[in-house]
């Protein structure tokens, strides 16, 4: 999910769209570890009034992407959950909407934690990231059920970690020349795209 969020945000920012990527996974802030490991303030500090928004947002100079990190901290699970359901985070998002064309939230996993459900209330559209051939069907259906109050906002699903070699055996089009250029290119540039 983090790779999808980061790549989508970078692509949009590269097109000149004022884009903000917010690391909302306070328990496991992979976006922050990857893009801004030395960040000392972020979403939580801004929402609690400990840091001005302007000082917490970092900018990737090569793409223009703005990033609101979530530096690791000593937060209890109860504090994190309470924060996600608070008005404070809603006020931060309201303020951010005035300054950015697109805001991408990298949320925590939806099924094991309630934080993602709270964040879904603030989203205009929701994109579910499911691990191909790993996420059980009942877990995917449960995720959609958890989003019942905002189901009309679900834009679609992205399958992550697709094994293109195995995919070619799943249907007619994948087993033919349609997939060959992609399989060959991933072999030569394995991992380089991410």
N, C-alpha and C. Protein backbone atom coordinates (compact mmCIF):
# COMPACT_ATOMS: atom_id res chain seq x y z
N UNK A 1 0.81 -1.20 0.00
CA UNK A 1 0.00 0.00 0.00
C UNK A 1 0.86 1.26 0.00
N UNK A 2 1.96 1.21 0.73
CA UNK A 2 2.83 2.39 0.77
C UNK A 2 3.46 2.64 -0.58
N UNK A 3 3.90 1.59 -1.26
CA UNK A 3 4.49 1.76 -2.58
C UNK A 3 3.48 2.35 -3.56
N UNK A 4 2.25 1.90 -3.51
CA UNK A 4 1.20 2.44 -4.37
C UNK A 4 0.98 3.92 -4.05
N UNK A 5 0.84 4.25 -2.78
CA UNK A 5 0.59 5.64 -2.37
C UNK A 5 1.75 6.55 -2.79
N UNK A 6 2.97 6.13 -2.53
CA UNK A 6 4.14 6.95 -2.86
C UNK A 6 4.27 7.14 -4.36
N UNK A 7 4.17 6.05 -5.12
CA UNK A 7 4.31 6.16 -6.58
C UNK A 7 3.20 6.99 -7.21
N UNK A 8 1.99 6.84 -6.72
CA UNK A 8 0.88 7.65 -7.23
C UNK A 8 1.13 9.12 -6.93
N UNK A 9 1.53 9.43 -5.71
CA UNK A 9 1.79 10.82 -5.33
C UNK A 9 2.93 11.42 -6.14
N UNK A 10 4.02 10.67 -6.30
CA UNK A 10 5.15 11.17 -7.09
C UNK A 10 4.77 11.40 -8.54
N UNK A 11 3.97 10.49 -9.11
CA UNK A 11 3.54 10.64 -10.50
C UNK A 11 2.69 11.89 -10.68
N UNK A 12 1.75 12.10 -9.78
CA UNK A 12 0.87 13.26 -9.88
C UNK A 12 1.64 14.56 -9.69
N UNK A 13 2.55 14.58 -8.73
CA UNK A 13 3.36 15.77 -8.50
C UNK A 13 4.24 16.08 -9.70
N UNK A 14 4.77 15.03 -10.34
CA UNK A 14 5.61 15.21 -11.53
C UNK A 14 4.85 15.83 -12.69
N UNK A 15 3.52 15.66 -12.68
CA UNK A 15 2.68 16.26 -13.72
C UNK A 15 2.34 17.71 -13.42
N UNK A 16 2.83 18.22 -12.29
CA UNK A 16 2.57 19.61 -11.93
C UNK A 16 1.34 19.80 -11.07
N UNK A 17 0.73 18.73 -10.60
CA UNK A 17 -0.45 18.81 -9.73
C UNK A 17 0.03 19.02 -8.30
N UNK A 18 -0.52 20.03 -7.64
CA UNK A 18 -0.14 20.28 -6.23
C UNK A 18 -0.61 19.11 -5.38
N UNK A 19 0.33 18.24 -5.03
CA UNK A 19 0.02 16.98 -4.37
C UNK A 19 0.70 16.90 -3.01
N UNK A 20 -0.04 16.39 -2.04
CA UNK A 20 0.49 16.15 -0.70
C UNK A 20 0.31 14.68 -0.37
N UNK A 21 1.37 14.07 0.12
CA UNK A 21 1.34 12.69 0.59
C UNK A 21 1.42 12.74 2.11
N UNK A 22 0.40 12.17 2.78
CA UNK A 22 0.36 12.19 4.24
C UNK A 22 0.55 10.77 4.76
N UNK A 23 1.56 10.59 5.60
CA UNK A 23 1.77 9.29 6.24
C UNK A 23 0.83 9.23 7.44
N UNK A 24 -0.23 8.47 7.31
CA UNK A 24 -1.24 8.35 8.37
C UNK A 24 -1.07 7.05 9.16
N UNK A 25 -0.02 6.30 8.87
CA UNK A 25 0.21 5.05 9.59
C UNK A 25 1.15 5.35 10.75
N UNK A 26 0.58 5.84 11.85
CA UNK A 26 1.39 6.24 12.99
C UNK A 26 2.06 5.06 13.68
N UNK A 27 1.50 3.88 13.52
CA UNK A 27 2.07 2.69 14.17
C UNK A 27 3.25 2.11 13.39
N UNK A 28 3.21 2.22 12.06
CA UNK A 28 4.27 1.69 11.21
C UNK A 28 4.48 2.65 10.04
N UNK A 29 5.11 3.79 10.30
CA UNK A 29 5.21 4.85 9.28
C UNK A 29 6.26 4.57 8.20
N UNK A 30 5.94 3.64 7.32
CA UNK A 30 6.88 3.23 6.27
C UNK A 30 7.17 4.37 5.29
N UNK A 31 6.16 5.18 4.97
CA UNK A 31 6.39 6.32 4.07
C UNK A 31 7.44 7.25 4.65
N UNK A 32 7.32 7.53 5.93
CA UNK A 32 8.27 8.42 6.59
C UNK A 32 9.66 7.80 6.62
N UNK A 33 9.75 6.52 6.96
CA UNK A 33 11.06 5.85 6.98
C UNK A 33 11.72 5.87 5.60
N UNK A 34 10.91 5.76 4.56
CA UNK A 34 11.45 5.71 3.20
C UNK A 34 11.81 7.09 2.64
N UNK A 35 10.95 8.06 2.85
CA UNK A 35 11.14 9.36 2.20
C UNK A 35 11.72 10.45 3.09
N UNK A 36 11.49 10.38 4.38
CA UNK A 36 11.97 11.45 5.26
C UNK A 36 12.35 10.88 6.63
N UNK A 37 13.38 10.02 6.66
CA UNK A 37 13.72 9.32 7.90
C UNK A 37 14.19 10.23 9.03
N UNK A 38 14.62 11.44 8.71
CA UNK A 38 15.10 12.36 9.76
C UNK A 38 14.04 13.36 10.20
N UNK A 39 12.81 13.19 9.74
CA UNK A 39 11.74 14.13 10.11
C UNK A 39 11.53 14.08 11.62
N UNK A 40 11.38 15.27 12.21
CA UNK A 40 11.19 15.33 13.66
C UNK A 40 9.76 15.70 14.04
N UNK A 41 8.99 16.16 13.07
CA UNK A 41 7.59 16.48 13.34
C UNK A 41 6.75 16.09 12.14
N UNK A 42 5.45 15.94 12.38
CA UNK A 42 4.57 15.52 11.31
C UNK A 42 3.11 15.67 11.68
N UNK A 43 2.31 14.77 11.17
CA UNK A 43 0.85 14.83 11.29
C UNK A 43 0.39 14.99 12.74
N UNK A 44 0.85 14.15 13.62
CA UNK A 44 0.40 14.18 15.01
C UNK A 44 0.78 15.49 15.69
N UNK A 45 2.00 15.95 15.50
CA UNK A 45 2.47 17.18 16.14
C UNK A 45 1.70 18.40 15.63
N UNK A 46 1.37 18.39 14.34
CA UNK A 46 0.58 19.49 13.77
C UNK A 46 -0.83 19.48 14.35
N UNK A 47 -1.46 18.31 14.37
CA UNK A 47 -2.84 18.21 14.86
C UNK A 47 -2.96 18.57 16.33
N UNK A 48 -1.92 18.28 17.10
CA UNK A 48 -1.94 18.60 18.53
C UNK A 48 -1.48 20.02 18.82
N UNK A 49 -1.14 20.77 17.77
CA UNK A 49 -0.73 22.16 17.93
C UNK A 49 0.68 22.33 18.44
N UNK A 50 1.51 21.30 18.33
CA UNK A 50 2.89 21.38 18.82
C UNK A 50 3.86 21.90 17.76
N UNK A 51 3.43 21.88 16.53
CA UNK A 51 4.29 22.29 15.42
C UNK A 51 3.43 22.93 14.35
N UNK A 52 3.87 24.08 13.79
CA UNK A 52 3.09 24.67 12.69
C UNK A 52 3.19 23.80 11.43
N UNK A 53 2.13 23.76 10.69
CA UNK A 53 2.04 22.93 9.48
C UNK A 53 3.19 23.23 8.52
N UNK A 54 3.52 24.51 8.37
CA UNK A 54 4.55 24.92 7.42
C UNK A 54 5.91 24.30 7.74
N UNK A 55 6.19 24.05 9.00
CA UNK A 55 7.47 23.47 9.40
C UNK A 55 7.46 21.95 9.31
N UNK A 56 6.31 21.35 9.34
CA UNK A 56 6.22 19.89 9.32
C UNK A 56 6.22 19.33 7.90
N UNK A 57 5.73 20.10 6.95
CA UNK A 57 5.65 19.61 5.56
C UNK A 57 7.02 19.71 4.89
N UNK A 58 7.42 18.61 4.29
CA UNK A 58 8.68 18.54 3.56
C UNK A 58 8.38 18.49 2.07
N UNK A 59 9.31 18.99 1.26
CA UNK A 59 9.08 19.04 -0.18
C UNK A 59 10.20 18.33 -0.92
N UNK A 60 9.81 17.42 -1.81
CA UNK A 60 10.75 16.74 -2.69
C UNK A 60 11.04 17.69 -3.85
N UNK A 61 12.25 18.21 -3.89
CA UNK A 61 12.59 19.24 -4.88
C UNK A 61 12.53 18.74 -6.32
N UNK A 62 12.80 17.47 -6.54
CA UNK A 62 12.81 16.97 -7.92
C UNK A 62 11.41 16.86 -8.52
N UNK A 63 10.39 16.62 -7.71
CA UNK A 63 9.03 16.46 -8.24
C UNK A 63 8.06 17.54 -7.76
N UNK A 64 8.41 18.21 -6.66
CA UNK A 64 7.49 19.18 -6.08
C UNK A 64 6.49 18.54 -5.13
N UNK A 65 6.62 17.25 -4.88
CA UNK A 65 5.71 16.56 -3.98
C UNK A 65 5.91 17.05 -2.55
N UNK A 66 4.81 17.39 -1.90
CA UNK A 66 4.84 17.75 -0.48
C UNK A 66 4.54 16.50 0.33
N UNK A 67 5.22 16.37 1.46
CA UNK A 67 5.07 15.19 2.31
C UNK A 67 4.83 15.64 3.74
N UNK A 68 3.78 15.11 4.34
CA UNK A 68 3.54 15.32 5.77
C UNK A 68 3.85 14.00 6.45
N UNK A 69 5.02 13.89 7.08
CA UNK A 69 5.45 12.61 7.63
C UNK A 69 4.75 12.27 8.94
N UNK A 70 5.12 11.12 9.47
CA UNK A 70 4.66 10.66 10.78
C UNK A 70 5.87 10.07 11.49
N UNK A 71 6.70 10.94 12.08
CA UNK A 71 7.90 10.43 12.73
C UNK A 71 7.56 9.42 13.82
N UNK A 72 8.35 8.37 13.93
CA UNK A 72 8.07 7.38 14.98
C UNK A 72 8.09 8.04 16.35
N UNK A 73 7.20 7.61 17.20
CA UNK A 73 7.12 8.16 18.54
C UNK A 73 6.67 7.12 19.53
N UNK A 74 6.58 7.53 20.73
CA UNK A 74 6.14 6.63 21.80
C UNK A 74 4.64 6.78 22.00
N UNK A 75 3.86 6.40 21.01
CA UNK A 75 2.41 6.53 21.09
C UNK A 75 1.82 5.18 21.46
N UNK A 76 0.89 5.20 22.36
CA UNK A 76 0.19 3.96 22.68
C UNK A 76 -0.85 3.69 21.60
N UNK A 77 -1.27 2.45 21.48
CA UNK A 77 -2.30 2.11 20.49
C UNK A 77 -3.59 2.86 20.80
N UNK A 78 -3.92 3.02 22.06
CA UNK A 78 -5.14 3.72 22.42
C UNK A 78 -5.07 5.19 22.02
N UNK A 79 -3.90 5.82 22.22
CA UNK A 79 -3.73 7.22 21.85
C UNK A 79 -3.85 7.40 20.34
N UNK A 80 -3.23 6.49 19.60
CA UNK A 80 -3.27 6.57 18.14
C UNK A 80 -4.70 6.43 17.63
N UNK A 81 -5.42 5.46 18.14
CA UNK A 81 -6.81 5.24 17.71
C UNK A 81 -7.67 6.43 18.08
N UNK A 82 -7.51 6.93 19.29
CA UNK A 82 -8.29 8.09 19.73
C UNK A 82 -8.02 9.29 18.84
N UNK A 83 -6.75 9.47 18.47
CA UNK A 83 -6.38 10.59 17.61
C UNK A 83 -7.04 10.48 16.24
N UNK A 84 -7.07 9.28 15.67
CA UNK A 84 -7.65 9.10 14.34
C UNK A 84 -9.15 9.41 14.31
N UNK A 85 -9.83 9.24 15.43
CA UNK A 85 -11.26 9.53 15.50
C UNK A 85 -11.54 10.94 16.03
N UNK A 86 -10.51 11.73 16.29
CA UNK A 86 -10.70 13.05 16.88
C UNK A 86 -11.02 14.11 15.84
N UNK A 87 -11.55 15.22 16.31
CA UNK A 87 -11.81 16.37 15.44
C UNK A 87 -10.50 17.01 14.99
N UNK A 88 -9.44 16.83 15.77
CA UNK A 88 -8.17 17.48 15.46
C UNK A 88 -7.64 17.07 14.09
N UNK A 89 -7.70 15.80 13.80
CA UNK A 89 -7.19 15.34 12.50
C UNK A 89 -8.10 15.85 11.37
N UNK A 90 -9.39 15.93 11.63
CA UNK A 90 -10.31 16.48 10.64
C UNK A 90 -10.01 17.93 10.33
N UNK A 91 -9.65 18.70 11.35
CA UNK A 91 -9.30 20.12 11.13
C UNK A 91 -8.03 20.25 10.29
N UNK A 92 -7.06 19.36 10.52
CA UNK A 92 -5.83 19.38 9.72
C UNK A 92 -6.17 19.12 8.26
N UNK A 93 -6.98 18.09 8.00
CA UNK A 93 -7.34 17.77 6.61
C UNK A 93 -8.13 18.90 5.96
N UNK A 94 -9.03 19.54 6.72
CA UNK A 94 -9.78 20.68 6.17
C UNK A 94 -8.83 21.78 5.74
N UNK A 95 -7.85 22.08 6.57
CA UNK A 95 -6.86 23.12 6.25
C UNK A 95 -6.04 22.73 5.01
N UNK A 96 -5.62 21.48 4.95
CA UNK A 96 -4.80 21.02 3.83
C UNK A 96 -5.55 21.08 2.51
N UNK A 97 -6.85 20.83 2.53
CA UNK A 97 -7.66 20.86 1.30
C UNK A 97 -7.62 22.24 0.63
N UNK A 98 -7.38 23.25 1.39
CA UNK A 98 -7.34 24.61 0.84
C UNK A 98 -6.05 24.88 0.07
N UNK A 99 -5.04 24.06 0.29
CA UNK A 99 -3.72 24.34 -0.29
C UNK A 99 -3.24 23.32 -1.33
N UNK A 100 -3.94 22.19 -1.45
CA UNK A 100 -3.49 21.14 -2.37
C UNK A 100 -4.63 20.69 -3.26
N UNK A 101 -4.27 20.33 -4.51
CA UNK A 101 -5.27 19.80 -5.44
C UNK A 101 -5.59 18.36 -5.10
N UNK A 102 -4.57 17.58 -4.71
CA UNK A 102 -4.76 16.18 -4.34
C UNK A 102 -3.99 15.87 -3.07
N UNK A 103 -4.66 15.16 -2.18
CA UNK A 103 -4.03 14.71 -0.94
C UNK A 103 -4.17 13.19 -0.91
N UNK A 104 -3.05 12.52 -0.80
CA UNK A 104 -3.04 11.06 -0.75
C UNK A 104 -2.68 10.64 0.66
N UNK A 105 -3.54 9.84 1.26
CA UNK A 105 -3.32 9.36 2.62
C UNK A 105 -2.82 7.92 2.56
N UNK A 106 -1.63 7.70 3.10
CA UNK A 106 -1.14 6.33 3.24
C UNK A 106 -1.61 5.86 4.61
N UNK A 107 -2.68 5.10 4.61
CA UNK A 107 -3.30 4.71 5.88
C UNK A 107 -2.77 3.38 6.38
N UNK A 108 -3.03 3.08 7.64
CA UNK A 108 -2.67 1.75 8.14
C UNK A 108 -3.57 0.70 7.50
N UNK A 109 -3.22 -0.57 7.64
CA UNK A 109 -4.08 -1.63 7.09
C UNK A 109 -5.50 -1.51 7.64
N UNK A 110 -6.45 -1.79 6.79
CA UNK A 110 -7.86 -1.60 7.15
C UNK A 110 -8.41 -2.69 8.06
N UNK A 111 -8.08 -3.92 7.79
CA UNK A 111 -8.73 -5.03 8.51
C UNK A 111 -8.30 -5.14 9.98
N UNK A 112 -7.00 -5.15 10.31
CA UNK A 112 -6.68 -5.39 11.71
C UNK A 112 -6.85 -4.17 12.62
N UNK A 113 -6.92 -2.96 12.05
CA UNK A 113 -6.95 -1.74 12.86
C UNK A 113 -8.16 -0.89 12.51
N UNK A 114 -8.65 -0.13 13.47
CA UNK A 114 -9.79 0.75 13.20
C UNK A 114 -9.34 2.10 12.65
N UNK A 115 -8.05 2.39 12.70
CA UNK A 115 -7.55 3.69 12.25
C UNK A 115 -7.92 3.97 10.79
N UNK A 116 -7.81 2.96 9.94
CA UNK A 116 -8.13 3.13 8.52
C UNK A 116 -9.59 3.47 8.30
N UNK A 117 -10.46 2.90 9.12
CA UNK A 117 -11.89 3.22 9.01
C UNK A 117 -12.15 4.68 9.37
N UNK A 118 -11.44 5.16 10.38
CA UNK A 118 -11.59 6.56 10.77
C UNK A 118 -11.10 7.48 9.66
N UNK A 119 -9.99 7.14 9.04
CA UNK A 119 -9.45 7.95 7.96
C UNK A 119 -10.35 7.94 6.74
N UNK A 120 -11.03 6.83 6.50
CA UNK A 120 -11.93 6.72 5.35
C UNK A 120 -13.02 7.78 5.40
N UNK A 121 -13.40 8.21 6.57
CA UNK A 121 -14.42 9.25 6.72
C UNK A 121 -13.96 10.58 6.13
N UNK A 122 -12.65 10.79 6.07
CA UNK A 122 -12.10 12.05 5.56
C UNK A 122 -11.77 11.99 4.08
N UNK A 123 -11.84 10.81 3.48
CA UNK A 123 -11.42 10.63 2.09
C UNK A 123 -12.57 10.90 1.12
N UNK A 124 -12.23 11.50 -0.01
CA UNK A 124 -13.20 11.68 -1.08
C UNK A 124 -13.33 10.40 -1.89
N UNK A 125 -12.20 9.70 -2.05
CA UNK A 125 -12.17 8.43 -2.77
C UNK A 125 -11.21 7.49 -2.07
N UNK A 126 -11.50 6.20 -2.18
CA UNK A 126 -10.71 5.18 -1.50
C UNK A 126 -10.23 4.17 -2.53
N UNK A 127 -8.95 3.87 -2.46
CA UNK A 127 -8.34 2.88 -3.32
C UNK A 127 -7.81 1.76 -2.42
N UNK A 128 -8.31 0.56 -2.62
CA UNK A 128 -7.88 -0.58 -1.81
C UNK A 128 -6.67 -1.24 -2.46
N UNK A 129 -5.63 -1.48 -1.68
CA UNK A 129 -4.44 -2.18 -2.16
C UNK A 129 -4.46 -3.58 -1.57
N UNK A 130 -4.53 -4.58 -2.46
CA UNK A 130 -4.59 -5.98 -2.03
C UNK A 130 -3.41 -6.73 -2.63
N UNK A 131 -2.77 -7.54 -1.82
CA UNK A 131 -1.64 -8.35 -2.31
C UNK A 131 -2.16 -9.48 -3.18
N UNK A 132 -1.70 -9.51 -4.43
CA UNK A 132 -2.15 -10.51 -5.39
C UNK A 132 -1.79 -11.91 -4.90
N UNK A 133 -2.78 -12.78 -4.95
CA UNK A 133 -2.62 -14.18 -4.59
C UNK A 133 -2.18 -14.39 -3.14
N UNK A 134 -2.33 -13.35 -2.32
CA UNK A 134 -1.98 -13.45 -0.90
C UNK A 134 -3.16 -13.06 -0.02
N UNK A 135 -3.84 -11.97 -0.37
CA UNK A 135 -4.97 -11.51 0.43
C UNK A 135 -6.14 -12.47 0.23
N UNK A 136 -6.59 -13.12 1.30
CA UNK A 136 -7.72 -14.04 1.16
C UNK A 136 -8.99 -13.29 0.74
N UNK A 137 -9.81 -13.94 -0.04
CA UNK A 137 -11.05 -13.33 -0.52
C UNK A 137 -11.91 -12.84 0.63
N UNK A 138 -12.01 -13.63 1.71
CA UNK A 138 -12.84 -13.19 2.83
C UNK A 138 -12.27 -11.95 3.50
N UNK A 139 -10.96 -11.77 3.51
CA UNK A 139 -10.35 -10.55 4.07
C UNK A 139 -10.68 -9.35 3.19
N UNK A 140 -10.63 -9.53 1.88
CA UNK A 140 -10.97 -8.44 0.97
C UNK A 140 -12.43 -8.05 1.11
N UNK A 141 -13.30 -9.05 1.23
CA UNK A 141 -14.73 -8.76 1.39
C UNK A 141 -15.00 -8.10 2.74
N UNK A 142 -14.26 -8.53 3.76
CA UNK A 142 -14.39 -7.92 5.08
C UNK A 142 -13.96 -6.45 5.04
N UNK A 143 -12.90 -6.16 4.30
CA UNK A 143 -12.43 -4.78 4.16
C UNK A 143 -13.52 -3.90 3.53
N UNK A 144 -14.15 -4.42 2.49
CA UNK A 144 -15.24 -3.67 1.84
C UNK A 144 -16.41 -3.49 2.81
N UNK A 145 -16.73 -4.52 3.58
CA UNK A 145 -17.80 -4.43 4.57
C UNK A 145 -17.48 -3.37 5.63
N UNK A 146 -16.22 -3.28 6.04
CA UNK A 146 -15.82 -2.28 7.03
C UNK A 146 -16.02 -0.86 6.51
N UNK A 147 -15.96 -0.72 5.20
CA UNK A 147 -16.13 0.59 4.58
C UNK A 147 -17.58 0.87 4.19
N UNK A 148 -18.51 0.08 4.68
CA UNK A 148 -19.92 0.22 4.32
C UNK A 148 -20.44 1.66 4.44
N UNK A 149 -20.11 2.40 5.51
CA UNK A 149 -20.63 3.78 5.60
C UNK A 149 -20.14 4.70 4.50
N UNK A 150 -19.01 4.35 3.87
CA UNK A 150 -18.45 5.19 2.81
C UNK A 150 -18.22 4.38 1.53
N UNK A 151 -18.98 3.32 1.36
CA UNK A 151 -18.77 2.39 0.24
C UNK A 151 -18.80 3.09 -1.12
N UNK A 152 -19.63 4.11 -1.27
CA UNK A 152 -19.71 4.80 -2.57
C UNK A 152 -18.42 5.54 -2.91
N UNK A 153 -17.54 5.70 -1.95
CA UNK A 153 -16.26 6.38 -2.19
C UNK A 153 -15.17 5.42 -2.67
N UNK A 154 -15.44 4.13 -2.66
CA UNK A 154 -14.42 3.16 -3.11
C UNK A 154 -14.26 3.30 -4.62
N UNK A 155 -13.08 3.73 -5.01
CA UNK A 155 -12.78 3.95 -6.42
C UNK A 155 -12.44 2.64 -7.12
N UNK A 156 -11.74 1.77 -6.42
CA UNK A 156 -11.36 0.50 -7.02
C UNK A 156 -10.30 -0.20 -6.18
N UNK A 157 -9.64 -1.16 -6.82
CA UNK A 157 -8.65 -1.98 -6.15
C UNK A 157 -7.37 -2.03 -6.98
N UNK A 158 -6.25 -2.00 -6.30
CA UNK A 158 -4.95 -2.20 -6.94
C UNK A 158 -4.39 -3.50 -6.40
N UNK A 159 -4.00 -4.38 -7.31
CA UNK A 159 -3.35 -5.61 -6.89
C UNK A 159 -1.85 -5.37 -6.83
N UNK A 160 -1.27 -5.62 -5.68
CA UNK A 160 0.16 -5.40 -5.50
C UNK A 160 0.90 -6.72 -5.54
N UNK A 161 2.19 -6.64 -5.74
CA UNK A 161 3.07 -7.81 -5.73
C UNK A 161 2.64 -8.89 -6.71
N UNK A 162 2.24 -8.47 -7.89
CA UNK A 162 1.80 -9.43 -8.91
C UNK A 162 3.02 -10.14 -9.48
N UNK A 163 2.97 -11.44 -9.56
CA UNK A 163 4.02 -12.25 -10.15
C UNK A 163 3.64 -12.43 -11.63
N UNK A 164 4.30 -11.68 -12.50
CA UNK A 164 3.93 -11.71 -13.92
C UNK A 164 4.19 -13.07 -14.57
N UNK A 165 5.16 -13.80 -14.06
CA UNK A 165 5.40 -15.15 -14.61
C UNK A 165 4.23 -16.07 -14.30
N UNK A 166 3.70 -16.02 -13.10
CA UNK A 166 2.56 -16.87 -12.75
C UNK A 166 1.27 -16.35 -13.37
N UNK A 167 1.16 -15.03 -13.51
CA UNK A 167 -0.05 -14.44 -14.06
C UNK A 167 -0.32 -14.92 -15.48
N UNK A 168 0.71 -15.20 -16.23
CA UNK A 168 0.52 -15.59 -17.63
C UNK A 168 -0.24 -16.91 -17.77
N UNK A 169 -0.35 -17.70 -16.71
CA UNK A 169 -1.07 -18.96 -16.77
C UNK A 169 -2.52 -18.84 -16.34
N UNK A 170 -2.96 -17.64 -15.99
CA UNK A 170 -4.31 -17.48 -15.45
C UNK A 170 -5.38 -17.30 -16.51
N UNK A 171 -5.05 -16.70 -17.64
CA UNK A 171 -6.08 -16.58 -18.68
C UNK A 171 -5.42 -16.48 -20.06
N UNK A 172 -6.26 -16.46 -21.06
CA UNK A 172 -5.78 -16.48 -22.44
C UNK A 172 -4.86 -15.32 -22.74
N UNK A 173 -5.28 -14.10 -22.39
CA UNK A 173 -4.51 -12.91 -22.75
C UNK A 173 -3.16 -12.86 -22.04
N UNK A 174 -3.13 -13.31 -20.80
CA UNK A 174 -1.89 -13.29 -20.04
C UNK A 174 -0.90 -14.33 -20.52
N UNK A 175 -1.39 -15.37 -21.17
CA UNK A 175 -0.49 -16.43 -21.63
C UNK A 175 0.02 -16.16 -23.04
N UNK A 176 -0.34 -15.06 -23.61
CA UNK A 176 0.04 -14.78 -24.99
C UNK A 176 1.04 -13.64 -25.08
N UNK A 177 1.14 -13.09 -26.25
CA UNK A 177 2.10 -12.01 -26.50
C UNK A 177 1.76 -10.72 -25.77
N UNK A 178 0.53 -10.61 -25.24
CA UNK A 178 0.14 -9.39 -24.55
C UNK A 178 1.02 -9.11 -23.33
N UNK A 179 1.41 -10.14 -22.62
CA UNK A 179 2.16 -9.95 -21.37
C UNK A 179 3.67 -10.04 -21.58
N UNK A 180 4.10 -10.65 -22.69
CA UNK A 180 5.53 -10.90 -22.91
C UNK A 180 6.40 -9.65 -22.77
N UNK A 181 6.07 -8.52 -23.37
CA UNK A 181 6.96 -7.35 -23.22
C UNK A 181 7.12 -6.91 -21.76
N UNK A 182 6.09 -7.11 -20.95
CA UNK A 182 6.17 -6.70 -19.56
C UNK A 182 6.99 -7.67 -18.74
N UNK A 183 6.84 -8.93 -19.00
CA UNK A 183 7.61 -9.95 -18.27
C UNK A 183 9.09 -9.79 -18.57
N UNK A 184 9.44 -9.62 -19.86
CA UNK A 184 10.84 -9.47 -20.24
C UNK A 184 11.46 -8.23 -19.62
N UNK A 185 10.73 -7.12 -19.58
CA UNK A 185 11.28 -5.89 -19.03
C UNK A 185 11.45 -5.96 -17.52
N UNK A 186 10.58 -6.72 -16.85
CA UNK A 186 10.73 -6.81 -15.38
C UNK A 186 11.90 -7.69 -15.02
N UNK A 187 12.26 -8.61 -15.88
CA UNK A 187 13.43 -9.44 -15.60
C UNK A 187 14.70 -8.63 -15.66
N UNK A 188 14.80 -7.71 -16.64
CA UNK A 188 16.01 -6.93 -16.79
C UNK A 188 16.08 -5.77 -15.82
N UNK A 189 14.94 -5.28 -15.35
CA UNK A 189 14.94 -4.13 -14.46
C UNK A 189 14.27 -4.47 -13.14
N UNK A 190 14.42 -5.69 -12.69
CA UNK A 190 13.74 -6.17 -11.48
C UNK A 190 14.06 -5.26 -10.30
N UNK A 191 13.02 -4.70 -9.72
CA UNK A 191 13.18 -3.86 -8.54
C UNK A 191 13.57 -2.43 -8.86
N UNK A 192 14.01 -2.14 -10.09
CA UNK A 192 14.46 -0.80 -10.41
C UNK A 192 13.32 0.20 -10.45
N UNK A 193 12.12 -0.26 -10.78
CA UNK A 193 10.99 0.64 -10.88
C UNK A 193 10.54 1.16 -9.53
N UNK A 194 10.82 0.45 -8.48
CA UNK A 194 10.37 0.88 -7.17
C UNK A 194 11.57 1.31 -6.41
